[in-house]
Amino acid sequence: IEAVRALRLGECDVALCGGVGADVDPFTLAGFGLLGALSARGLSRPFDVHRDGFVLGEGAAMAVLCADDGPALAEVGGVGRTQDAFHITAPEPSGERAAQAMSLALREAGLAEVGYVQAHGTSTPLNDEVEARALQRVLGDALARTPVSSVKGALGHTIAASGALGLLCAVEAVRTGTVLPTTGLQEPDPACALSHVRGRAVSRDVPSALCNAFAFGGANCSLLVRRRDS
């Protein structure tokens, strides 16, 4: 989002942005364990009724954003960022500010719905339920026809890299029409009533995709990417 804003303000012409997550060390594991955020079973299964926390992963992803109208894999159509200011670790239960971040991205893009949502989907009981509630608030009836998945089921939570990895999944969905499944999701939680992609990837037309990245402290970020011809 900072890169998009810098480009729009003319502060730069090209921006390299992304993240690296390499937090699989005893100190970090102990900290997340004390918070009760880690899965006791060592399984990442976002939105599953039996989810019990996330699994730390390692990864890195970078994206090159340009201000010109040249060839590109996708276009950033809208961005949204809000702050809960609710609790240092727990999400705000209503999901109001998370929904607002998504709404801002959609409004900026001039869209009322999207073809796919790459969810934050951490596999923690509270986060997944709040995100599902926020998606329902934003997309309403359109949510029933919007596939939703979280790459954290396959890669775990890569912390600083998770938003960038999610963005790449959203771009690939727009570029190729391939929507990845939520690995580990076997029995969807009724409290997370979404159009889940399970088992295997699906192919469909995805003119636009929303990517969510939320964080401790109540930071909510949403990016909307779309095809250049839409």
Protein backbone atom coordinates (compact mmCIF):
# COMPACT_ATOMS: atom_id res chain seq x y z
CA ILE A 1 0.00 0.00 0.00
CA GLU A 2 2.86 2.37 0.78
CA ALA A 3 4.40 1.61 -2.62
CA VAL A 4 1.09 2.27 -4.40
CA ARG A 5 0.70 5.59 -2.64
CA ALA A 6 4.29 6.63 -3.36
CA LEU A 7 3.80 5.85 -7.06
CA ARG A 8 0.54 7.78 -7.22
CA LEU A 9 2.12 10.78 -5.54
CA GLY A 10 4.98 10.77 -8.04
CA GLU A 11 7.58 10.09 -5.35
CA CYS A 12 9.00 7.25 -7.47
CA ASP A 13 8.44 5.53 -10.80
CA VAL A 14 9.17 1.95 -9.76
CA ALA A 15 8.90 0.27 -6.36
CA LEU A 16 10.15 -3.11 -5.17
CA CYS A 17 7.98 -4.30 -2.30
CA GLY A 18 7.32 -7.51 -0.45
CA GLY A 19 8.50 -9.37 2.59
CA VAL A 20 10.67 -12.13 4.02
CA GLY A 21 9.54 -14.43 6.81
CA ALA A 22 12.09 -16.64 8.55
CA ASP A 23 10.77 -16.77 12.10
CA VAL A 24 11.03 -20.51 12.74
CA ASP A 25 13.31 -20.24 15.76
CA PRO A 26 12.87 -21.28 19.42
CA PHE A 27 12.38 -17.74 20.74
CA THR A 28 9.61 -16.86 18.28
CA LEU A 29 7.96 -20.26 18.66
CA ALA A 30 7.95 -19.86 22.45
CA GLY A 31 6.40 -16.40 22.18
CA PHE A 32 3.57 -17.45 19.87
CA GLY A 33 3.09 -20.57 21.97
CA LEU A 34 2.60 -18.51 25.14
CA LEU A 35 0.02 -16.44 23.28
CA GLY A 36 -1.87 -19.61 22.41
CA ALA A 37 -1.63 -18.79 18.70
CA LEU A 38 0.15 -21.96 17.53
CA SER A 39 -1.58 -25.19 16.55
CA ALA A 40 -1.07 -27.86 19.21
CA ARG A 41 -1.42 -30.48 16.48
CA GLY A 42 1.00 -28.78 14.13
CA LEU A 43 -1.67 -28.46 11.43
CA SER A 44 -2.58 -25.38 9.45
CA ARG A 45 -6.23 -25.61 8.39
CA PRO A 46 -7.81 -22.21 7.89
CA PHE A 47 -11.59 -21.99 8.35
CA ASP A 48 -11.83 -25.64 9.50
CA VAL A 49 -14.08 -26.35 12.47
CA HIS A 50 -11.17 -28.17 14.16
CA ARG A 51 -8.55 -25.47 13.60
CA ASP A 52 -6.55 -24.67 16.72
CA GLY A 53 -3.93 -22.14 15.64
CA PHE A 54 -1.38 -21.45 12.95
CA VAL A 55 1.88 -23.12 11.95
CA LEU A 56 4.90 -20.90 11.36
CA GLY A 57 6.38 -21.08 7.88
CA GLU A 58 9.32 -19.61 6.03
CA GLY A 59 9.08 -17.79 2.74
CA ALA A 60 9.70 -14.68 0.70
CA ALA A 61 7.93 -12.84 -2.07
CA MET A 62 8.56 -9.57 -3.90
CA ALA A 63 6.58 -7.59 -6.41
CA VAL A 64 7.66 -4.84 -8.81
CA LEU A 65 5.14 -2.01 -9.04
CA CYS A 66 5.41 0.53 -11.85
CA ALA A 67 3.70 3.84 -12.45
CA ASP A 68 3.60 3.53 -16.27
CA ASP A 69 0.96 1.79 -18.38
CA GLY A 70 3.29 -0.77 -19.94
CA PRO A 71 2.86 -4.56 -19.95
CA ALA A 72 2.01 -5.96 -16.52
CA LEU A 73 0.73 -9.16 -14.93
CA ALA A 74 -2.05 -7.22 -13.20
CA GLU A 75 -3.09 -3.78 -12.02
CA VAL A 76 -3.58 -2.61 -8.45
CA GLY A 77 -7.09 -1.23 -8.67
CA GLY A 78 -7.61 -0.24 -5.05
CA VAL A 79 -6.10 -0.30 -1.59
CA GLY A 80 -7.52 -0.02 1.91
CA ARG A 81 -5.90 0.22 5.31
CA THR A 82 -7.49 0.62 8.75
CA GLN A 83 -6.61 0.15 12.40
CA ASP A 84 -8.74 -1.58 15.04
CA ALA A 85 -7.02 -0.08 18.11
CA PHE A 86 -8.79 -2.85 20.03
CA HIS A 87 -6.22 -5.26 21.52
CA ILE A 88 -2.53 -6.01 21.15
CA THR A 89 -3.19 -9.52 19.80
CA ALA A 90 -6.94 -10.26 19.53
CA PRO A 91 -8.95 -9.07 16.51
CA GLU A 92 -11.91 -6.77 17.07
CA PRO A 93 -14.85 -9.22 17.24
CA SER A 94 -17.26 -7.44 14.90
CA GLY A 95 -14.74 -7.19 12.05
CA GLU A 96 -15.91 -3.65 11.37
CA ARG A 97 -12.48 -2.16 10.63
CA ALA A 98 -11.38 -5.20 8.62
CA ALA A 99 -14.53 -4.78 6.55
CA GLN A 100 -13.78 -1.10 6.14
CA ALA A 101 -10.32 -1.86 4.71
CA MET A 102 -11.90 -4.16 2.11
CA SER A 103 -14.62 -1.63 1.33
CA LEU A 104 -12.05 1.10 0.75
CA ALA A 105 -10.18 -1.09 -1.75
CA LEU A 106 -13.39 -1.97 -3.58
CA ARG A 107 -14.61 1.61 -3.61
CA GLU A 108 -11.34 2.90 -5.02
CA ALA A 109 -11.53 0.28 -7.77
CA GLY A 110 -15.16 1.16 -8.50
CA LEU A 111 -16.31 -2.43 -7.86
CA ALA A 112 -19.06 -3.93 -5.73
CA GLU A 113 -17.74 -7.50 -5.88
CA VAL A 114 -14.68 -9.50 -6.92
CA GLY A 115 -13.93 -12.79 -8.64
CA TYR A 116 -11.83 -14.25 -5.84
CA VAL A 117 -10.65 -13.55 -2.29
CA GLN A 118 -7.20 -14.61 -1.10
CA ALA A 119 -8.03 -14.50 2.58
CA HIS A 120 -5.74 -13.76 5.49
CA GLY A 121 -6.99 -17.09 6.90
CA THR A 122 -4.49 -17.80 9.67
CA SER A 123 -6.15 -20.98 11.06
CA THR A 124 -6.69 -19.36 14.46
CA PRO A 125 -10.24 -19.65 15.84
CA LEU A 126 -10.86 -15.93 16.30
CA ASN A 127 -9.14 -14.52 13.20
CA ASP A 128 -10.86 -16.77 10.69
CA GLU A 129 -14.31 -16.17 12.15
CA VAL A 130 -13.84 -12.39 12.25
CA GLU A 131 -12.55 -12.31 8.66
CA ALA A 132 -15.52 -14.38 7.47
CA ARG A 133 -17.85 -11.98 9.26
CA ALA A 134 -16.13 -8.99 7.65
CA LEU A 135 -16.37 -10.55 4.18
CA GLN A 136 -20.09 -11.11 4.67
CA ARG A 137 -20.50 -7.48 5.70
CA VAL A 138 -18.68 -6.22 2.61
CA LEU A 139 -19.81 -8.59 -0.15
CA GLY A 140 -23.26 -9.56 1.09
CA ASP A 141 -25.12 -11.84 -1.32
CA ALA A 142 -22.19 -11.75 -3.77
CA LEU A 143 -20.12 -13.74 -1.27
CA ALA A 144 -22.05 -16.90 -2.19
CA ARG A 145 -20.53 -16.80 -5.70
CA THR A 146 -17.05 -15.64 -4.66
CA PRO A 147 -14.43 -18.36 -4.13
CA VAL A 148 -12.31 -17.85 -1.01
CA SER A 149 -9.08 -19.58 0.00
CA SER A 150 -5.99 -19.05 2.13
CA VAL A 151 -2.50 -20.08 1.03
CA LYS A 152 -1.50 -20.38 4.70
CA GLY A 153 -3.03 -23.85 4.69
CA ALA A 154 -0.15 -24.94 2.45
CA LEU A 155 2.67 -22.61 3.49
CA GLY A 156 1.86 -21.85 7.11
CA HIS A 157 2.01 -18.31 8.46
CA THR A 158 5.15 -16.65 7.11
CA ILE A 159 4.51 -13.49 9.15
CA ALA A 160 6.30 -10.64 7.30
CA ALA A 161 6.07 -12.49 3.96
CA SER A 162 2.46 -13.61 4.27
CA GLY A 163 0.89 -10.54 2.69
CA ALA A 164 3.26 -10.60 -0.28
CA LEU A 165 2.72 -14.34 -0.84
CA GLY A 166 -1.03 -13.80 -0.71
CA LEU A 167 -0.71 -11.01 -3.24
CA LEU A 168 1.12 -13.32 -5.66
CA CYS A 169 -1.69 -15.86 -5.33
CA ALA A 170 -4.23 -13.15 -6.11
CA VAL A 171 -2.21 -11.99 -9.14
CA GLU A 172 -1.92 -15.56 -10.44
CA ALA A 173 -5.68 -16.04 -10.09
CA VAL A 174 -6.28 -12.92 -12.17
CA ARG A 175 -3.55 -13.77 -14.67
CA THR A 176 -4.23 -17.48 -15.23
CA GLY A 177 -7.69 -18.12 -13.78
CA THR A 178 -6.23 -20.64 -11.33
CA VAL A 179 -7.71 -20.38 -7.85
CA LEU A 180 -5.70 -22.31 -5.27
CA PRO A 181 -7.45 -24.37 -2.57
CA THR A 182 -7.15 -23.99 1.18
CA THR A 183 -4.96 -26.95 2.06
CA GLY A 184 -6.01 -28.75 5.24
CA LEU A 185 -9.60 -27.54 5.12
CA GLN A 186 -11.74 -30.66 5.50
CA GLU A 187 -14.76 -29.64 7.59
CA PRO A 188 -15.65 -25.94 7.16
CA ASP A 189 -16.69 -24.15 10.32
CA PRO A 190 -20.37 -23.07 10.06
CA ALA A 191 -19.23 -19.76 11.61
CA CYS A 192 -17.03 -19.27 8.52
CA ALA A 193 -19.75 -19.66 5.89
CA LEU A 194 -17.75 -18.92 2.73
CA SER A 195 -17.47 -20.40 -0.77
CA HIS A 196 -14.35 -22.35 0.15
CA VAL A 197 -12.01 -23.83 -2.44
CA ARG A 198 -11.06 -27.27 -1.12
CA GLY A 199 -9.08 -30.28 -2.25
CA ARG A 200 -7.70 -28.97 -5.52
CA ALA A 201 -7.36 -25.79 -7.51
CA VAL A 202 -10.23 -24.65 -9.70
CA SER A 203 -10.18 -22.79 -12.99
CA ARG A 204 -12.50 -19.88 -13.56
CA ASP A 205 -12.60 -16.36 -14.91
CA VAL A 206 -11.17 -13.99 -12.29
CA PRO A 207 -11.26 -10.39 -13.56
CA SER A 208 -10.38 -9.10 -10.09
CA ALA A 209 -9.20 -10.46 -6.75
CA LEU A 210 -9.02 -9.15 -3.20
CA CYS A 211 -6.05 -9.97 -0.99
CA ASN A 212 -6.29 -9.50 2.79
CA ALA A 213 -3.44 -9.15 5.26
CA PHE A 214 -4.20 -8.48 8.91
CA ALA A 215 -1.83 -8.28 11.87
CA PHE A 216 -1.46 -8.16 15.64
CA GLY A 217 -2.38 -4.79 17.02
CA GLY A 218 -5.37 -4.51 14.70
CA ALA A 219 -3.68 -3.52 11.43
CA ASN A 220 -5.93 -4.35 8.46
CA CYS A 221 -4.77 -4.14 4.84
CA SER A 222 -6.60 -5.06 1.63
CA LEU A 223 -5.33 -4.89 -1.93
CA LEU A 224 -7.49 -5.29 -5.00
CA VAL A 225 -5.80 -6.48 -8.19
CA ARG A 226 -7.44 -6.79 -11.57
CA ARG A 227 -6.71 -7.47 -15.23
CA ARG A 228 -5.35 -4.53 -17.16
CA ASP A 229 -8.14 -4.82 -19.73
CA SER A 230 -10.97 -4.69 -17.15
